[in-house]
C-alpha atoms as a PDB file:
ATOM      1  CA  MET A   1      95.913  86.015 166.687  1.00  0.00           C
ATOM      2  CA  LYS A   2      99.896  85.837 166.496  1.00  0.00           C
ATOM      3  CA  ARG A   3      99.795  87.794 163.067  1.00  0.00           C
ATOM      4  CA  PHE A   4      99.965  91.518 162.906  1.00  0.00           C
ATOM      5  CA  GLN A   5      97.476  92.938 161.313  1.00  0.00           C
ATOM      6  CA  PRO A   6      97.580  96.322 160.691  1.00  0.00           C
ATOM      7  CA  LEU A   7      94.560  98.858 161.226  1.00  0.00           C
ATOM      8  CA  LEU A   8      95.314 100.206 157.789  1.00  0.00           C
ATOM      9  CA  ILE A   9      94.994  96.869 156.029  1.00  0.00           C
ATOM     10  CA  PRO A  10      91.773  96.558 153.810  1.00  0.00           C
ATOM     11  CA  VAL A  11      89.638  93.934 154.346  1.00  0.00           C
ATOM     12  CA  ILE A  12      87.759  91.515 152.538  1.00  0.00           C
ATOM     13  CA  ILE A  13      84.707  89.992 151.054  1.00  0.00           C
ATOM     14  CA  LEU A  14      82.800  86.527 150.123  1.00  0.00           C
ATOM     15  CA  LEU A  15      82.892  87.247 146.977  1.00  0.00           C
ATOM     16  CA  GLY A  16      80.678  83.956 146.327  1.00  0.00           C
ATOM     17  CA  ALA A  17      81.021  81.960 143.884  1.00  0.00           C
ATOM     18  CA  ILE A  18      80.683  82.195 139.701  1.00  0.00           C
ATOM     19  CA  THR A  19      80.488  78.729 137.638  1.00  0.00           C
ATOM     20  CA  LEU A  20      81.317  79.319 133.625  1.00  0.00           C
ATOM     21  CA  ALA A  21      78.980  77.856 131.567  1.00  0.00           C
ATOM     22  CA  ASN A  22      79.237  76.793 128.027  1.00  0.00           C
ATOM     23  CA  ASN A  23      78.099  80.144 126.351  1.00  0.00           C
ATOM     24  CA  PRO A  24      80.928  83.048 126.872  1.00  0.00           C
ATOM     25  CA  ALA A  25      78.706  84.592 129.361  1.00  0.00           C
ATOM     26  CA  THR A  26      79.312  83.567 133.384  1.00  0.00           C
ATOM     27  CA  GLN A  27      76.625  83.335 135.269  1.00  0.00           C
ATOM     28  CA  PRO A  28      76.598  83.910 138.767  1.00  0.00           C
ATOM     29  CA  VAL A  29      75.981  80.760 141.104  1.00  0.00           C
ATOM     30  CA  ASN A  30      73.771  80.383 144.590  1.00  0.00           C
ATOM     31  CA  ALA A  31      76.734  79.120 146.849  1.00  0.00           C
ATOM     32  CA  ALA A  32      74.699  79.903 150.178  1.00  0.00           C
ATOM     33  CA  GLU A  33      73.106  76.273 149.188  1.00  0.00           C
ATOM     34  CA  PRO A  34      74.370  73.492 151.766  1.00  0.00           C
ATOM     35  CA  SER A  35      75.198  70.825 149.749  1.00  0.00           C
ATOM     36  CA  ALA A  36      77.217  66.563 149.812  1.00  0.00           C
ATOM     37  CA  TRP A  37      80.426  66.635 147.608  1.00  0.00           C
ATOM     38  CA  ARG A  38      80.260  67.850 144.652  1.00  0.00           C
ATOM     39  CA  ASN A  39      82.644  66.217 142.059  1.00  0.00           C
ATOM     40  CA  LEU A  40      85.151  69.231 139.990  1.00  0.00           C
ATOM     41  CA  GLU A  41      86.612  67.127 138.257  1.00  0.00           C
ATOM     42  CA  LYS A  42      88.901  63.993 138.979  1.00  0.00           C
ATOM     43  CA  GLY A  43      89.923  63.719 141.927  1.00  0.00           C
ATOM     44  CA  LEU A  44      89.077  66.623 143.931  1.00  0.00           C
ATOM     45  CA  ASP A  45      85.302  67.411 145.178  1.00  0.00           C
ATOM     46  CA  LEU A  46      83.805  70.764 146.945  1.00  0.00           C
ATOM     47  CA  GLY A  47      81.571  70.219 150.178  1.00  0.00           C
ATOM     48  CA  ILE A  48      79.746  73.479 151.361  1.00  0.00           C
ATOM     49  CA  PHE A  49      77.946  72.032 154.893  1.00  0.00           C
ATOM     50  CA  GLN A  50      75.862  73.887 157.558  1.00  0.00           C
ATOM     51  CA  ALA A  51      77.979  74.032 160.218  1.00  0.00           C
ATOM     52  CA  PRO A  52      76.375  72.337 163.282  1.00  0.00           C
ATOM     53  CA  LYS A  53      76.210  75.821 165.114  1.00  0.00           C
ATOM     54  CA  LYS A  54      74.907  78.985 164.304  1.00  0.00           C
ATOM     55  CA  SER A  55      76.987  81.904 163.720  1.00  0.00           C
ATOM     56  CA  ALA A  56      76.000  85.303 164.947  1.00  0.00           C
ATOM     57  CA  LEU A  57      76.972  86.718 161.573  1.00  0.00           C
ATOM     58  CA  GLY A  58      76.980  85.450 158.075  1.00  0.00           C
ATOM     59  CA  ASP A  59      75.139  81.991 156.572  1.00  0.00           C
ATOM     60  CA  SER A  60      77.597  79.306 159.121  1.00  0.00           C
ATOM     61  CA  LEU A  61      78.392  77.283 156.162  1.00  0.00           C
ATOM     62  CA  ILE A  62      81.781  75.418 156.079  1.00  0.00           C
ATOM     63  CA  ARG A  63      83.217  75.416 152.455  1.00  0.00           C
ATOM     64  CA  ILE A  64      85.724  72.707 152.289  1.00  0.00           C
ATOM     65  CA  LEU A  65      88.171  71.703 148.983  1.00  0.00           C
ATOM     66  CA  ARG A  66      89.541  68.239 148.854  1.00  0.00           C
ATOM     67  CA  ALA A  67      91.763  67.230 146.857  1.00  0.00           C
ATOM     68  CA  ASP A  68      93.338  63.362 146.128  1.00  0.00           C
ATOM     69  CA  THR A  69      97.170  63.345 145.489  1.00  0.00           C
ATOM     70  CA  ASP A  70      96.754  60.648 143.378  1.00  0.00           C
ATOM     71  CA  TYR A  71      95.573  63.243 140.801  1.00  0.00           C
ATOM     72  CA  PHE A  72      97.055  67.138 141.993  1.00  0.00           C
ATOM     73  CA  SER A  73     100.510  67.571 143.730  1.00  0.00           C
ATOM     74  CA  LEU A  74     100.698  70.766 146.177  1.00  0.00           C
ATOM     75  CA  ARG A  75     103.076  74.279 145.353  1.00  0.00           C
ATOM     76  CA  LEU A  76     104.008  76.776 147.904  1.00  0.00           C
ATOM     77  CA  LEU A  77     104.768  79.795 146.334  1.00  0.00           C
ATOM     78  CA  ASN A  78     106.056  82.842 148.677  1.00  0.00           C
ATOM     79  CA  ALA A  79     106.437  86.764 147.400  1.00  0.00           C
ATOM     80  CA  THR A  80     109.638  86.775 149.006  1.00  0.00           C
ATOM     81  CA  SER A  81     110.923  84.424 146.538  1.00  0.00           C
ATOM     82  CA  GLU A  82     112.569  86.014 143.112  1.00  0.00           C
ATOM     83  CA  ASP A  83     109.931  84.562 140.310  1.00  0.00           C
ATOM     84  CA  GLN A  84     107.203  86.112 142.532  1.00  0.00           C
ATOM     85  CA  THR A  85     108.136  89.347 144.375  1.00  0.00           C
ATOM     86  CA  LYS A  86     105.336  90.267 145.283  1.00  0.00           C
ATOM     87  CA  ARG A  87     101.915  89.759 147.239  1.00  0.00           C
ATOM     88  CA  ARG A  88      98.931  89.197 145.543  1.00  0.00           C
ATOM     89  CA  SER A  89      95.223  88.730 145.891  1.00  0.00           C
ATOM     90  CA  MET A  90      94.336  84.624 146.025  1.00  0.00           C
ATOM     91  CA  LYS A  91      92.564  85.088 142.954  1.00  0.00           C
ATOM     92  CA  ASP A  92      96.191  86.574 141.220  1.00  0.00           C
ATOM     93  CA  TRP A  93      98.435  83.692 142.573  1.00  0.00           C
ATOM     94  CA  VAL A  94      96.003  81.471 141.052  1.00  0.00           C
ATOM     95  CA  ASN A  95      95.641  83.184 137.912  1.00  0.00           C
ATOM     96  CA  LYS A  96      99.165  83.857 137.853  1.00  0.00           C
ATOM     97  CA  ASN A  97     100.578  80.617 138.054  1.00  0.00           C
ATOM     98  CA  GLY A  98      98.360  78.015 136.734  1.00  0.00           C
ATOM     99  CA  LEU A  99      97.105  77.068 140.080  1.00  0.00           C
ATOM    100  CA  VAL A 100      93.537  75.253 139.582  1.00  0.00           C
ATOM    101  CA  ALA A 101      92.999  76.867 143.311  1.00  0.00           C
ATOM    102  CA  ALA A 102      95.217  78.083 146.666  1.00  0.00           C
ATOM    103  CA  ILE A 103      94.756  78.751 150.159  1.00  0.00           C
ATOM    104  CA  ASN A 104      96.325  80.910 152.644  1.00  0.00           C
ATOM    105  CA  ALA A 105      99.624  78.974 153.818  1.00  0.00           C
ATOM    106  CA  SER A 106      99.977  80.934 156.992  1.00  0.00           C
ATOM    107  CA  MET A 107     100.437  83.943 159.032  1.00  0.00           C
ATOM    108  CA  TYR A 108     102.841  86.573 158.599  1.00  0.00           C
ATOM    109  CA  GLN A 109     104.970  88.937 160.074  1.00  0.00           C
ATOM    110  CA  LYS A 110     104.903  92.648 160.837  1.00  0.00           C
ATOM    111  CA  ASP A 111     107.269  92.630 157.583  1.00  0.00           C
ATOM    112  CA  MET A 112     103.977  91.365 155.671  1.00  0.00           C
ATOM    113  CA  MET A 113     106.099  88.914 153.832  1.00  0.00           C
ATOM    114  CA  THR A 114     107.763  86.456 156.241  1.00  0.00           C
ATOM    115  CA  SER A 115     106.091  83.760 157.581  1.00  0.00           C
ATOM    116  CA  VAL A 116     105.481  83.572 161.634  1.00  0.00           C
ATOM    117  CA  SER A 117     106.790  80.194 161.885  1.00  0.00           C
ATOM    118  CA  TYR A 118     109.531  77.960 159.335  1.00  0.00           C
ATOM    119  CA  MET A 119     108.667  77.660 155.765  1.00  0.00           C
ATOM    120  CA  LYS A 120     110.742  76.811 153.156  1.00  0.00           C
ATOM    121  CA  THR A 121     110.539  75.228 149.564  1.00  0.00           C
ATOM    122  CA  ARG A 122     113.445  72.937 147.889  1.00  0.00           C
ATOM    123  CA  GLN A 123     114.394  76.208 146.602  1.00  0.00           C
ATOM    124  CA  HIS A 124     113.450  79.170 148.650  1.00  0.00           C
ATOM    125  CA  THR A 125     112.983  79.612 152.508  1.00  0.00           C
ATOM    126  CA  ASN A 126     110.773  82.323 153.611  1.00  0.00           C
ATOM    127  CA  SER A 127     110.984  81.351 157.747  1.00  0.00           C
ATOM    128  CA  ASN A 128     114.242  80.379 159.353  1.00  0.00           C
ATOM    129  CA  TRP A 129     112.010  80.596 162.325  1.00  0.00           C
ATOM    130  CA  VAL A 130     111.224  77.104 164.245  1.00  0.00           C
ATOM    131  CA  SER A 131     108.907  78.237 166.825  1.00  0.00           C
ATOM    132  CA  LYS A 132     106.748  76.590 169.470  1.00  0.00           C
ATOM    133  CA  ASP A 133     104.502  75.734 167.422  1.00  0.00           C
ATOM    134  CA  LYS A 134     103.032  72.142 167.456  1.00  0.00           C
ATOM    135  CA  THR A 135     102.378  71.286 163.315  1.00  0.00           C
ATOM    136  CA  ILE A 136     104.349  71.375 160.285  1.00  0.00           C
ATOM    137  CA  PHE A 137     102.090  70.724 156.823  1.00  0.00           C
ATOM    138  CA  ALA A 138     105.446  68.541 154.611  1.00  0.00           C
ATOM    139  CA  PHE A 139     105.026  67.015 151.560  1.00  0.00           C
ATOM    140  CA  ASP A 140     107.660  67.377 147.870  1.00  0.00           C
ATOM    141  CA  PRO A 141     109.069  64.536 149.584  1.00  0.00           C
ATOM    142  CA  THR A 142     112.348  63.153 149.063  1.00  0.00           C
ATOM    143  CA  ASP A 143     111.798  59.659 148.333  1.00  0.00           C
ATOM    144  CA  LYS A 144     108.871  58.537 145.855  1.00  0.00           C
ATOM    145  CA  ASN A 145     108.345  55.705 148.745  1.00  0.00           C
ATOM    146  CA  LEU A 146     107.411  58.376 151.464  1.00  0.00           C
ATOM    147  CA  PRO A 147     103.642  59.635 151.585  1.00  0.00           C
ATOM    148  CA  PRO A 148     103.423  62.390 148.774  1.00  0.00           C
ATOM    149  CA  VAL A 149     101.968  64.604 151.894  1.00  0.00           C
ATOM    150  CA  ARG A 150     101.611  64.674 155.592  1.00  0.00           C
ATOM    151  CA  ILE A 151     100.759  66.606 158.369  1.00  0.00           C
ATOM    152  CA  ILE A 152     103.895  66.140 161.334  1.00  0.00           C
ATOM    153  CA  ASP A 153     102.684  67.071 165.183  1.00  0.00           C
ATOM    154  CA  ARG A 154     105.784  66.873 167.406  1.00  0.00           C
ATOM    155  CA  ASP A 155     103.757  65.878 170.317  1.00  0.00           C
ATOM    156  CA  CYS A 156     103.851  62.066 168.262  1.00  0.00           C
ATOM    157  CA  GLU A 157     106.653  62.230 165.813  1.00  0.00           C
ATOM    158  CA  ASP A 158     110.674  63.187 165.066  1.00  0.00           C
ATOM    159  CA  PHE A 159     110.526  67.048 163.078  1.00  0.00           C
ATOM    160  CA  ASN A 160     114.075  67.038 163.137  1.00  0.00           C
ATOM    161  CA  LYS A 161     114.074  63.649 161.336  1.00  0.00           C
ATOM    162  CA  LEU A 162     111.320  63.976 159.108  1.00  0.00           C
ATOM    163  CA  ARG A 163     112.621  67.793 158.146  1.00  0.00           C
ATOM    164  CA  LYS A 164     114.732  65.444 156.320  1.00  0.00           C
ATOM    165  CA  LEU A 165     113.073  63.923 154.256  1.00  0.00           C
ATOM    166  CA  TYR A 166     110.755  66.315 152.374  1.00  0.00           C
ATOM    167  CA  ASP A 167     111.701  69.651 151.225  1.00  0.00           C
ATOM    168  CA  THR A 168     108.366  71.465 151.285  1.00  0.00           C
ATOM    169  CA  LEU A 169     107.694  72.744 155.285  1.00  0.00           C
ATOM    170  CA  ILE A 170     104.932  75.109 156.586  1.00  0.00           C
ATOM    171  CA  GLN A 171     104.998  75.070 160.063  1.00  0.00           C
ATOM    172  CA  SER A 172     101.840  76.502 161.708  1.00  0.00           C
ATOM    173  CA  ILE A 173      99.389  76.102 165.085  1.00  0.00           C
ATOM    174  CA  ARG A 174      97.587  72.756 165.605  1.00  0.00           C
ATOM    175  CA  MET A 175      93.885  73.027 165.059  1.00  0.00           C
ATOM    176  CA  VAL A 176      93.596  68.601 165.219  1.00  0.00           C
ATOM    177  CA  SER A 177      96.578  66.419 166.706  1.00  0.00           C
ATOM    178  CA  CYS A 178      97.679  63.062 165.545  1.00  0.00           C
ATOM    179  CA  LYS A 179      95.455  61.580 167.921  1.00  0.00           C
ATOM    180  CA  GLY A 180      92.118  63.552 166.695  1.00  0.00           C
ATOM    181  CA  GLU A 181      92.075  65.765 169.371  1.00  0.00           C
ATOM    182  CA  ASN A 182      90.601  69.641 169.225  1.00  0.00           C
ATOM    183  CA  MET A 183      93.598  71.199 170.484  1.00  0.00           C
ATOM    184  CA  TRP A 184      92.448  75.429 171.355  1.00  0.00           C
ATOM    185  CA  GLY A 185      90.572  76.034 174.700  1.00  0.00           C
ATOM    186  CA  PRO A 186      87.534  77.644 174.672  1.00  0.00           C
ATOM    187  CA  GLN A 187      87.712  81.193 173.935  1.00  0.00           C
ATOM    188  CA  LYS A 188      85.534  84.183 173.960  1.00  0.00           C
ATOM    189  CA  LYS A 189      87.091  86.003 170.748  1.00  0.00           C
ATOM    190  CA  MET A 190      86.212  84.551 166.621  1.00  0.00           C
ATOM    191  CA  TRP A 191      87.018  85.513 163.390  1.00  0.00           C
ATOM    192  CA  SER A 192      86.591  83.936 159.628  1.00  0.00           C
ATOM    193  CA  THR A 193      89.116  81.461 159.480  1.00  0.00           C
ATOM    194  CA  ALA A 194      90.698  79.375 156.407  1.00  0.00           C
ATOM    195  CA  ALA A 195      92.866  75.824 157.533  1.00  0.00           C
ATOM    196  CA  ILE A 196      94.603  72.986 155.972  1.00  0.00           C
ATOM    197  CA  ALA A 197      93.410  69.555 156.979  1.00  0.00           C
ATOM    198  CA  LEU A 198      94.458  65.872 155.961  1.00  0.00           C
ATOM    199  CA  ASP A 199      91.588  63.371 156.137  1.00  0.00           C
ATOM    200  CA  HIS A 200      91.608  59.474 156.280  1.00  0.00           C
ATOM    201  CA  GLN A 201      92.380  58.753 153.147  1.00  0.00           C
ATOM    202  CA  SER A 202      95.200  61.342 153.523  1.00  0.00           C
ATOM    203  CA  ARG A 203      93.613  64.135 151.029  1.00  0.00           C
ATOM    204  CA  VAL A 204      94.267  67.160 151.304  1.00  0.00           C
ATOM    205  CA  LEU A 205      91.231  69.667 152.867  1.00  0.00           C
ATOM    206  CA  PHE A 206      91.339  73.017 152.076  1.00  0.00           C
ATOM    207  CA  ILE A 207      89.082  74.574 154.769  1.00  0.00           C
ATOM    208  CA  HIS A 208      87.183  78.272 154.202  1.00  0.00           C
ATOM    209  CA  VAL A 209      85.016  79.673 157.080  1.00  0.00           C
ATOM    210  CA  ARG A 210      83.507  83.281 156.552  1.00  0.00           C
ATOM    211  CA  SER A 211      81.296  83.530 159.486  1.00  0.00           C
ATOM    212  CA  PRO A 212      83.129  83.803 162.206  1.00  0.00           C
ATOM    213  CA  TYR A 213      83.341  81.198 164.871  1.00  0.00           C
ATOM    214  CA  THR A 214      85.577  81.035 168.344  1.00  0.00           C
ATOM    215  CA  THR A 215      88.658  78.594 166.829  1.00  0.00           C
ATOM    216  CA  HIS A 216      87.679  75.682 169.696  1.00  0.00           C
ATOM    217  CA  ASP A 217      83.706  75.664 168.290  1.00  0.00           C
ATOM    218  CA  LEU A 218      85.058  74.982 164.008  1.00  0.00           C
ATOM    219  CA  ILE A 219      87.045  72.567 165.518  1.00  0.00           C
ATOM    220  CA  ASN A 220      84.661  70.313 167.552  1.00  0.00           C
ATOM    221  CA  MET A 221      82.195  71.384 164.498  1.00  0.00           C
ATOM    222  CA  LEU A 222      84.883  69.876 161.889  1.00  0.00           C
ATOM    223  CA  LEU A 223      85.378  66.923 163.887  1.00  0.00           C
ATOM    224  CA  GLU A 224      81.317  67.025 163.708  1.00  0.00           C
ATOM    225  CA  LEU A 225      81.069  66.675 160.393  1.00  0.00           C
ATOM    226  CA  PRO A 226      81.283  63.678 158.266  1.00  0.00           C
ATOM    227  CA  ILE A 227      84.799  64.510 155.852  1.00  0.00           C
ATOM    228  CA  GLY A 228      86.786  61.711 157.809  1.00  0.00           C
ATOM    229  CA  LEU A 229      89.079  64.751 158.867  1.00  0.00           C
ATOM    230  CA  LYS A 230      93.029  63.337 160.693  1.00  0.00           C
ATOM    231  CA  GLN A 231      94.420  66.296 161.300  1.00  0.00           C
ATOM    232  CA  ALA A 232      94.040  70.003 161.009  1.00  0.00           C
ATOM    233  CA  MET A 233      95.654  73.291 160.622  1.00  0.00           C
ATOM    234  CA  TYR A 234      95.200  76.590 161.164  1.00  0.00           C
ATOM    235  CA  VAL A 235      96.527  79.253 159.273  1.00  0.00           C
ATOM    236  CA  GLU A 236      94.884  82.312 158.745  1.00  0.00           C
ATOM    237  CA  GLY A 237      92.070  83.983 160.182  1.00  0.00           C
ATOM    238  CA  GLY A 238      89.872  87.606 159.556  1.00  0.00           C
ATOM    239  CA  ALA A 239      89.795  89.417 156.658  1.00  0.00           C
ATOM    240  CA  ASP A 240      93.009  87.802 155.132  1.00  0.00           C
ATOM    241  CA  ALA A 241      91.513  84.815 155.263  1.00  0.00           C
ATOM    242  CA  GLN A 242      91.197  83.070 151.312  1.00  0.00           C
ATOM    243  CA  LEU A 243      90.355  80.127 149.195  1.00  0.00           C
ATOM    244  CA  TYR A 244      89.678  80.281 145.468  1.00  0.00           C
ATOM    245  CA  ILE A 245      89.212  78.218 143.283  1.00  0.00           C
ATOM    246  CA  ASN A 246      89.910  77.754 138.724  1.00  0.00           C
ATOM    247  CA  THR A 247      89.402  74.511 137.646  1.00  0.00           C
ATOM    248  CA  GLY A 248      88.704  76.163 134.185  1.00  0.00           C
ATOM    249  CA  LYS A 249      85.178  75.295 134.090  1.00  0.00           C
ATOM    250  CA  GLU A 250      84.117  76.688 137.187  1.00  0.00           C
ATOM    251  CA  ARG A 251      85.710  79.327 139.411  1.00  0.00           C
ATOM    252  CA  HIS A 252      84.754  80.134 143.411  1.00  0.00           C
ATOM    253  CA  GLU A 253      86.021  82.735 145.037  1.00  0.00           C
ATOM    254  CA  PHE A 254      85.940  82.654 149.237  1.00  0.00           C
ATOM    255  CA  ILE A 255      87.251  85.490 151.351  1.00  0.00           C
ATOM    256  CA  GLY A 256      86.646  86.318 155.086  1.00  0.00           C
ATOM    257  CA  SER A 257      85.388  89.345 156.892  1.00  0.00           C
ATOM    258  CA  TYR A 258      85.435  89.370 160.971  1.00  0.00           C
ATOM    259  CA  SER A 259      87.808  89.519 163.681  1.00  0.00           C
ATOM    260  CA  SER A 260      87.315  90.015 166.685  1.00  0.00           C
ATOM    261  CA  GLY A 261      89.089  93.550 167.956  1.00  0.00           C
ATOM    262  CA  SER A 262      89.387  94.840 164.895  1.00  0.00           C
ATOM    263  CA  ARG A 263      86.703  93.940 162.085  1.00  0.00           C
ATOM    264  CA  GLU A 264      83.451  93.180 163.676  1.00  0.00           C
ATOM    265  CA  HIS A 265      81.675  93.031 160.481  1.00  0.00           C
ATOM    266  CA  ASP A 266      80.237  91.386 157.885  1.00  0.00           C
ATOM    267  CA  GLU A 267      80.370  93.935 154.795  1.00  0.00           C
ATOM    268  CA  ASN A 268      83.820  93.545 153.552  1.00  0.00           C
ATOM    269  CA  THR A 269      84.343  93.276 149.888  1.00  0.00           C
ATOM    270  CA  PHE A 270      87.673  93.444 149.109  1.00  0.00           C
ATOM    271  CA  SER A 271      90.123  90.388 148.111  1.00  0.00           C
ATOM    272  CA  HIS A 272      93.601  91.481 149.875  1.00  0.00           C
ATOM    273  CA  SER A 273      96.627  90.897 148.713  1.00  0.00           C
ATOM    274  CA  VAL A 274      98.597  87.969 150.939  1.00  0.00           C
ATOM    275  CA  PRO A 275     102.830  87.173 150.768  1.00  0.00           C
ATOM    276  CA  ASN A 276     101.996  83.145 151.207  1.00  0.00           C
ATOM    277  CA  VAL A 277      99.801  81.176 149.567  1.00  0.00           C
ATOM    278  CA  LEU A 278      99.395  76.613 148.976  1.00  0.00           C
ATOM    279  CA  GLY A 279      98.868  75.217 145.651  1.00  0.00           C
ATOM    280  CA  LEU A 280      97.010  73.084 143.648  1.00  0.00           C
ATOM    281  CA  VAL A 281      98.402  71.607 140.375  1.00  0.00           C
ATOM    282  CA  ARG A 282      97.191  68.997 138.653  1.00  0.00           C
ATOM    283  CA  LEU A 283      99.297  65.897 137.898  1.00  0.00           C
ATOM    284  CA  LYS A 284      99.756  65.007 133.883  1.00  0.00           C
ATOM    285  CA  LYS A 285      98.937  61.361 133.486  1.00  0.00           C
END
């Protein structure tokens, strides 16, 4: 993977899911059972899918949070910004900032703060570096008539033109192209994965897979699933890959583990802090 992974960084595990019951006590929920899409609230669904190919480790489940942009907006949060100032676990990012959910926004550099590729909001630039990576997740449009969110594919679209139309931009590695193609070649290395995507109805997908797969194989499986996948972008792998959901009624925490060459096991229990996250915020109706 492109992101620097110090050997001394603590590692992470899937903690499972917790649902808040109507009584004050919280009760653990069996998050290992595959399911069809389940509605969490208006415009927000959680899908748990059995991967078409069994992994060598773990439960071989693909977990996807699906958000309708008619009900949710997106927010990029950076530890380098003045209003945040430090790295946090995904759970802490969500709870501190009143988010409904969050996932990794990108891999990061050796300074442990800066994205490996271009990343900016309207108020703050985390990284000015436009790398060779082909996809840019764009939202916060400058014109209300524009799509609220899009994945710009530099092989199909003019990024220099489109970047002026969106105030928040996150560049990372392309998984599924504008033509619906798997853009990763076969490989031997595998890891837990966090990704962000759009479906054919322009709904946002936060994807988390704890069981290790090669990215090539994972993309093929995502394209095979009945999720209407249109485009997808890789944002993190290994122990740092996290997805946290807190609707107020339910809480779910999904955390990565395995990475070829560094953490080749499925035994991690620590939710590590990360510097850049992509969050969901309810729109006021």
